[in-house]
Protein backbone atom coordinates (compact mmCIF):
# COMPACT_ATOMS: atom_id res chain seq x y z
CA MET A 1 3.44 64.01 -26.22
CA PRO A 2 7.17 64.78 -26.40
CA PRO A 3 9.38 62.16 -28.04
CA ALA A 4 11.21 59.65 -25.88
CA PRO A 5 14.87 60.50 -25.18
CA PRO A 6 17.31 58.71 -27.51
CA VAL A 7 19.18 55.68 -26.15
CA ALA A 8 22.84 55.26 -27.06
CA LEU A 9 25.33 52.48 -26.38
CA SER A 10 28.64 53.19 -24.67
CA THR A 11 31.60 51.57 -26.37
CA ALA A 12 32.75 50.68 -22.85
CA SER A 13 29.78 48.30 -22.67
CA VAL A 14 31.36 45.88 -25.14
CA TYR A 15 34.78 45.63 -23.45
CA PRO A 16 37.00 43.68 -23.99
CA GLU A 17 35.79 43.94 -27.58
CA PRO A 18 36.89 47.14 -29.39
CA ALA A 19 34.91 50.22 -30.29
CA ALA A 20 34.13 48.80 -33.73
CA ALA A 21 32.09 46.04 -32.09
CA ALA A 22 29.97 48.62 -30.27
CA PHE A 23 28.95 50.26 -33.55
CA GLU A 24 28.09 46.91 -35.07
CA ILE A 25 26.02 45.79 -32.06
CA ALA A 26 24.32 49.18 -31.73
CA ALA A 27 23.20 49.00 -35.36
CA THR A 28 22.00 45.41 -35.01
CA LEU A 29 19.95 46.07 -31.87
CA GLY A 30 18.53 49.43 -32.92
CA TYR A 31 20.30 51.83 -30.55
CA ASP A 32 19.98 55.49 -31.50
CA GLY A 33 23.69 56.24 -31.25
CA VAL A 34 26.99 55.47 -29.59
CA GLU A 35 28.90 57.12 -26.77
CA LEU A 36 32.56 56.94 -27.74
CA MET A 37 34.82 56.12 -24.79
CA VAL A 38 38.28 57.39 -25.72
CA TRP A 39 40.80 54.99 -24.26
CA SER A 40 43.62 52.59 -25.24
CA ASP A 41 41.73 51.25 -28.29
CA LYS A 42 43.51 53.08 -31.13
CA VAL A 43 40.32 53.38 -33.18
CA SER A 44 38.64 55.30 -30.34
CA GLN A 45 41.45 57.89 -30.54
CA ASP A 46 41.18 58.36 -34.31
CA VAL A 47 38.34 60.60 -35.47
CA ASP A 48 38.68 59.50 -39.10
CA ALA A 49 38.49 55.83 -38.11
CA VAL A 50 35.40 56.50 -35.99
CA ARG A 51 33.80 58.41 -38.84
CA ARG A 52 34.27 55.36 -41.08
CA LEU A 53 32.46 53.23 -38.47
CA VAL A 54 29.61 55.74 -38.45
CA ASP A 55 29.33 55.56 -42.23
CA ARG A 56 29.58 51.76 -42.30
CA HIS A 57 26.94 51.07 -39.66
CA GLY A 58 24.69 54.12 -39.92
CA VAL A 59 24.94 54.86 -36.19
CA GLY A 60 26.14 58.30 -35.13
CA VAL A 61 28.22 59.41 -32.17
CA SER A 62 25.93 60.93 -29.57
CA ALA A 63 28.66 61.77 -27.06
CA VAL A 64 32.38 61.55 -26.49
CA HIS A 65 33.68 60.35 -23.13
CA ALA A 66 36.97 62.13 -22.45
CA PRO A 67 39.97 59.95 -21.53
CA CYS A 68 39.93 60.76 -17.82
CA LEU A 69 40.06 57.27 -16.29
CA ALA A 70 43.08 56.26 -14.23
CA VAL A 71 44.08 53.88 -17.04
CA THR A 72 43.85 56.54 -19.77
CA GLN A 73 46.10 59.20 -18.27
CA ARG A 74 48.51 58.98 -21.23
CA VAL A 75 45.92 58.85 -24.01
CA TRP A 76 46.21 62.04 -26.09
CA GLY A 77 49.10 63.21 -23.93
CA ALA A 78 49.85 63.65 -20.23
CA ASP A 79 48.19 67.07 -19.81
CA PRO A 80 44.52 66.65 -18.75
CA VAL A 81 43.62 70.07 -20.13
CA VAL A 82 44.90 69.03 -23.56
CA ARG A 83 42.91 65.78 -23.34
CA LEU A 84 39.78 67.72 -22.46
CA ARG A 85 40.24 70.10 -25.36
CA ARG A 86 40.93 67.28 -27.80
CA SER A 87 37.73 65.56 -26.62
CA VAL A 88 35.76 68.71 -27.38
CA THR A 89 37.34 68.93 -30.83
CA ALA A 90 36.53 65.26 -31.49
CA ALA A 91 32.92 65.84 -30.47
CA GLU A 92 32.66 68.81 -32.82
CA GLU A 93 34.12 66.84 -35.74
CA LEU A 94 31.87 63.82 -35.10
CA GLY A 95 28.71 65.86 -34.62
CA ALA A 96 28.32 64.87 -30.98
CA ARG A 97 26.58 67.35 -28.74
CA THR A 98 28.01 66.22 -25.41
CA VAL A 99 31.40 65.50 -23.87
CA VAL A 100 31.31 63.43 -20.68
CA VAL A 101 34.06 64.34 -18.25
CA HIS A 102 35.08 63.28 -14.75
CA PRO A 103 36.19 65.76 -12.09
CA PRO A 104 39.96 65.96 -11.57
CA PHE A 105 41.87 63.52 -9.41
CA ARG A 106 43.14 65.05 -6.19
CA TRP A 107 46.76 64.74 -7.29
CA GLN A 108 46.05 66.79 -10.42
CA LEU A 109 46.53 70.02 -8.50
CA ARG A 110 46.89 72.43 -11.42
CA TYR A 111 44.05 70.80 -13.35
CA ALA A 112 41.77 70.99 -10.30
CA GLU A 113 42.43 74.73 -10.06
CA VAL A 114 41.41 75.42 -13.66
CA PHE A 115 38.86 72.66 -14.27
CA ALA A 116 35.63 74.59 -13.70
CA GLU A 117 36.81 77.54 -15.79
CA GLU A 118 38.10 75.24 -18.54
CA VAL A 119 34.74 73.49 -18.72
CA ARG A 120 32.88 76.80 -18.86
CA ARG A 121 35.15 78.27 -21.52
CA ALA A 122 35.01 75.16 -23.68
CA GLU A 123 31.22 75.19 -23.65
CA GLU A 124 31.07 78.84 -24.62
CA SER A 125 33.61 78.60 -27.43
CA ALA A 126 32.70 75.22 -28.96
CA GLY A 127 28.97 74.96 -28.40
CA VAL A 128 29.47 71.45 -27.00
CA ARG A 129 28.05 70.57 -23.59
CA LEU A 130 30.56 69.28 -21.06
CA ALA A 131 28.52 67.10 -18.72
CA VAL A 132 30.43 66.55 -15.46
CA GLU A 133 29.80 63.12 -13.96
CA ASN A 134 29.14 62.07 -10.37
CA MET A 135 31.75 59.66 -9.11
CA LEU A 136 32.29 57.01 -6.42
CA PRO A 137 34.91 56.42 -3.71
CA VAL A 138 37.75 53.93 -3.73
CA VAL A 139 37.80 51.27 -1.01
CA ARG A 140 41.03 49.40 -0.29
CA ALA A 141 41.64 47.19 2.73
CA GLY A 142 38.39 48.48 4.19
CA ILE A 143 39.49 52.11 3.96
CA ARG A 144 37.26 54.46 1.98
CA SER A 145 38.86 57.39 0.19
CA VAL A 146 37.66 60.01 -2.28
CA PRO A 147 40.20 60.41 -5.10
CA TYR A 148 38.43 63.35 -6.78
CA ALA A 149 38.67 67.08 -6.18
CA PRO A 150 36.69 68.51 -4.62
CA GLY A 151 34.46 65.44 -4.19
CA LEU A 152 32.08 62.91 -5.69
CA ASP A 153 29.10 65.19 -6.32
CA PRO A 154 29.67 67.78 -9.07
CA THR A 155 26.63 69.80 -7.97
CA GLU A 156 28.61 70.89 -4.92
CA VAL A 157 30.76 72.96 -7.29
CA GLY A 158 28.05 73.87 -9.77
CA HIS A 159 28.40 73.31 -13.50
CA ALA A 160 26.11 74.10 -16.38
CA HIS A 161 25.63 70.43 -17.37
CA TYR A 162 25.82 67.05 -15.67
CA THR A 163 25.97 63.31 -16.29
CA LEU A 164 24.14 61.14 -13.76
CA ASP A 165 25.74 57.69 -13.43
CA LEU A 166 23.57 55.18 -11.57
CA SER A 167 26.36 52.67 -11.02
CA HIS A 168 28.28 55.44 -9.28
CA THR A 169 25.36 56.41 -7.06
CA ALA A 170 25.12 52.75 -6.04
CA GLY A 171 28.82 52.50 -5.25
CA SER A 172 28.90 55.77 -3.33
CA GLY A 173 25.67 55.17 -1.41
CA ALA A 174 24.20 58.38 -2.83
CA ASP A 175 20.47 58.92 -3.29
CA ALA A 176 20.07 58.85 -7.08
CA LEU A 177 16.72 60.65 -7.09
CA ALA A 178 18.00 63.39 -4.80
CA MET A 179 21.02 63.86 -7.05
CA LEU A 180 18.76 64.00 -10.09
CA ASP A 181 16.84 66.79 -8.37
CA ARG A 182 20.04 68.67 -7.52
CA MET A 183 21.24 68.43 -11.11
CA GLY A 184 17.89 69.80 -12.24
CA GLY A 185 17.78 71.25 -15.74
CA GLY A 186 21.54 70.81 -16.02
CA LEU A 187 21.12 67.04 -16.29
CA VAL A 188 21.59 66.26 -19.98
CA HIS A 189 23.17 62.80 -19.89
CA LEU A 190 22.33 59.57 -18.07
CA HIS A 191 24.60 56.56 -17.72
CA LEU A 192 22.00 53.86 -17.31
CA ALA A 193 23.28 50.95 -15.26
CA ASP A 194 22.61 49.41 -11.86
CA GLY A 195 24.46 48.40 -8.73
CA SER A 196 23.93 46.17 -5.73
CA GLY A 197 24.96 48.84 -3.24
CA SER A 198 28.47 47.50 -2.71
CA ALA A 199 31.42 49.87 -2.95
CA ARG A 200 32.37 48.47 -6.37
CA ASP A 201 31.60 50.09 -9.70
CA GLU A 202 29.48 47.19 -10.95
CA HIS A 203 27.61 48.58 -13.97
CA LEU A 204 24.92 45.93 -13.81
CA VAL A 205 22.10 45.57 -16.31
CA PRO A 206 19.38 48.04 -15.22
CA GLY A 207 16.79 46.32 -13.07
CA ARG A 208 19.24 43.80 -11.62
CA GLY A 209 20.37 45.95 -8.70
CA VAL A 210 18.95 48.32 -6.10
CA GLN A 211 19.04 51.63 -7.97
CA PRO A 212 15.75 53.34 -8.96
CA CYS A 213 16.57 52.94 -12.66
CA ALA A 214 12.95 52.74 -13.75
CA GLU A 215 11.89 55.80 -11.76
CA VAL A 216 14.86 57.83 -13.00
CA CYS A 217 13.96 57.01 -16.61
CA GLU A 218 10.29 57.77 -16.03
CA ARG A 219 11.13 61.14 -14.50
CA LEU A 220 13.34 62.02 -17.45
CA ALA A 221 10.63 60.97 -19.90
CA ALA A 222 8.08 63.17 -18.14
CA GLY A 223 10.33 66.23 -17.83
CA PRO A 224 12.27 68.57 -20.15
CA PHE A 225 15.21 66.15 -20.56
CA ALA A 226 14.36 65.03 -24.11
CA ALA A 227 13.38 68.52 -25.28
CA ALA A 228 16.77 69.79 -24.05
CA GLY A 229 18.54 67.16 -26.16
CA GLY A 230 19.31 64.80 -23.29
CA THR A 231 20.59 61.31 -24.05
CA VAL A 232 20.37 58.05 -22.12
CA VAL A 233 23.43 55.84 -22.51
CA VAL A 234 23.55 52.16 -21.63
CA GLU A 235 26.86 51.75 -19.82
CA ILE A 236 26.96 48.24 -18.41
CA SER A 237 29.78 45.76 -17.88
CA THR A 238 29.80 42.72 -20.14
CA ARG A 239 33.45 41.81 -19.64
CA ARG A 240 32.58 38.46 -18.03
CA CYS A 241 30.57 37.32 -21.04
CA ARG A 242 32.10 34.29 -22.69
CA THR A 243 30.51 34.81 -26.10
CA ARG A 244 29.28 37.62 -28.34
CA HIS A 245 25.81 36.09 -28.06
CA ASP A 246 25.81 36.54 -24.27
CA ARG A 247 27.03 40.12 -24.60
CA VAL A 248 24.39 41.01 -27.17
CA ALA A 249 21.68 39.48 -24.97
CA MET A 250 22.66 41.74 -22.05
CA LEU A 251 22.76 44.81 -24.27
CA ALA A 252 19.38 43.93 -25.80
CA GLU A 253 17.86 43.52 -22.32
CA SER A 254 19.26 46.91 -21.27
CA LEU A 255 17.88 48.61 -24.38
CA LEU A 256 14.46 47.06 -23.81
CA PHE A 257 14.47 48.31 -20.21
CA ALA A 258 15.36 51.81 -21.36
CA ARG A 259 12.73 51.92 -24.11
CA LEU A 260 10.03 50.66 -21.76
CA HIS A 261 10.65 53.18 -18.99
CA LEU A 262 11.46 56.16 -21.21
CA GLN A 263 8.21 55.94 -23.13
CA PRO A 264 6.18 59.09 -22.40
CA THR A 265 2.62 58.46 -21.31
CA ALA A 266 -0.36 60.69 -21.99
CA PRO A 267 -1.86 62.28 -18.87
CA VAL A 268 -5.11 60.73 -17.72
CA PRO A 269 -7.90 63.31 -18.05
CA PRO A 270 -10.08 64.13 -15.06
CA ILE A 271 -13.22 62.03 -14.73
CA THR A 272 -15.41 65.01 -15.62
CA ASP A 273 -13.61 65.34 -18.97
CA ARG A 274 -14.05 61.74 -20.01
CA PRO A 275 -16.80 60.94 -22.53
CA ALA A 276 -19.94 59.49 -21.04
CA LEU A 277 -20.37 55.75 -21.42
CA ALA A 278 -23.07 54.77 -23.87
CA ARG A 279 -26.17 53.48 -22.14
CA GLY A 280 -27.67 50.26 -23.41
């Protein structure tokens, strides 16, 4: 049987604690790695500081999430192309195989024009996979808008590699299994979380919402995902936790869910191939 895909912890999952806390918790709970969200936390922007966390806790960086959130538009400079390239360089230096990136915002007109080519060129030159993520709409005062160009589903453009985010499929009302099928062999990264189906980006513990988290994991375990170096990343929201103990409990539950449903199972042989029962 093929090995189960590795399970990493997103540093975003420990917010408002810093990236250093994610490495500590990942090591304590037995995660296989960390996805580094580059954002306002100064340590997350400093490759040398992150490398010291890797050495201290013995947990490597599986992926780098580029600073492409609305709140990180000034991290590593104002130019989104520069931020993308610096994310690729950080991944190379940290030994991460994947960079997670969002599609451009609609107001980033120049970036939207060059995004697909920039992603392709970066993959060819650096040997790092840029996994473009599916997104969700923004709803304000009951009005739904799509802030990304050209849309929420990156398969409509066509990229070599993808990240499937199950909180985003919940918030957008997308069929997660259909999107998994459209991503096909290009799916190399899963953001494992859940959602209730509301328009909010909830990032619930998997199994607490309406998304087919278990079936998605089971499909990945049974397919070529692990052999292709795919990684499952727990990306849940723990910001409402009052204590570290509560946060660790949620992250432990999420890891247990992932391990359970990513465990490959041996095929059941046909009845004719089974050994005959001993007769008494």
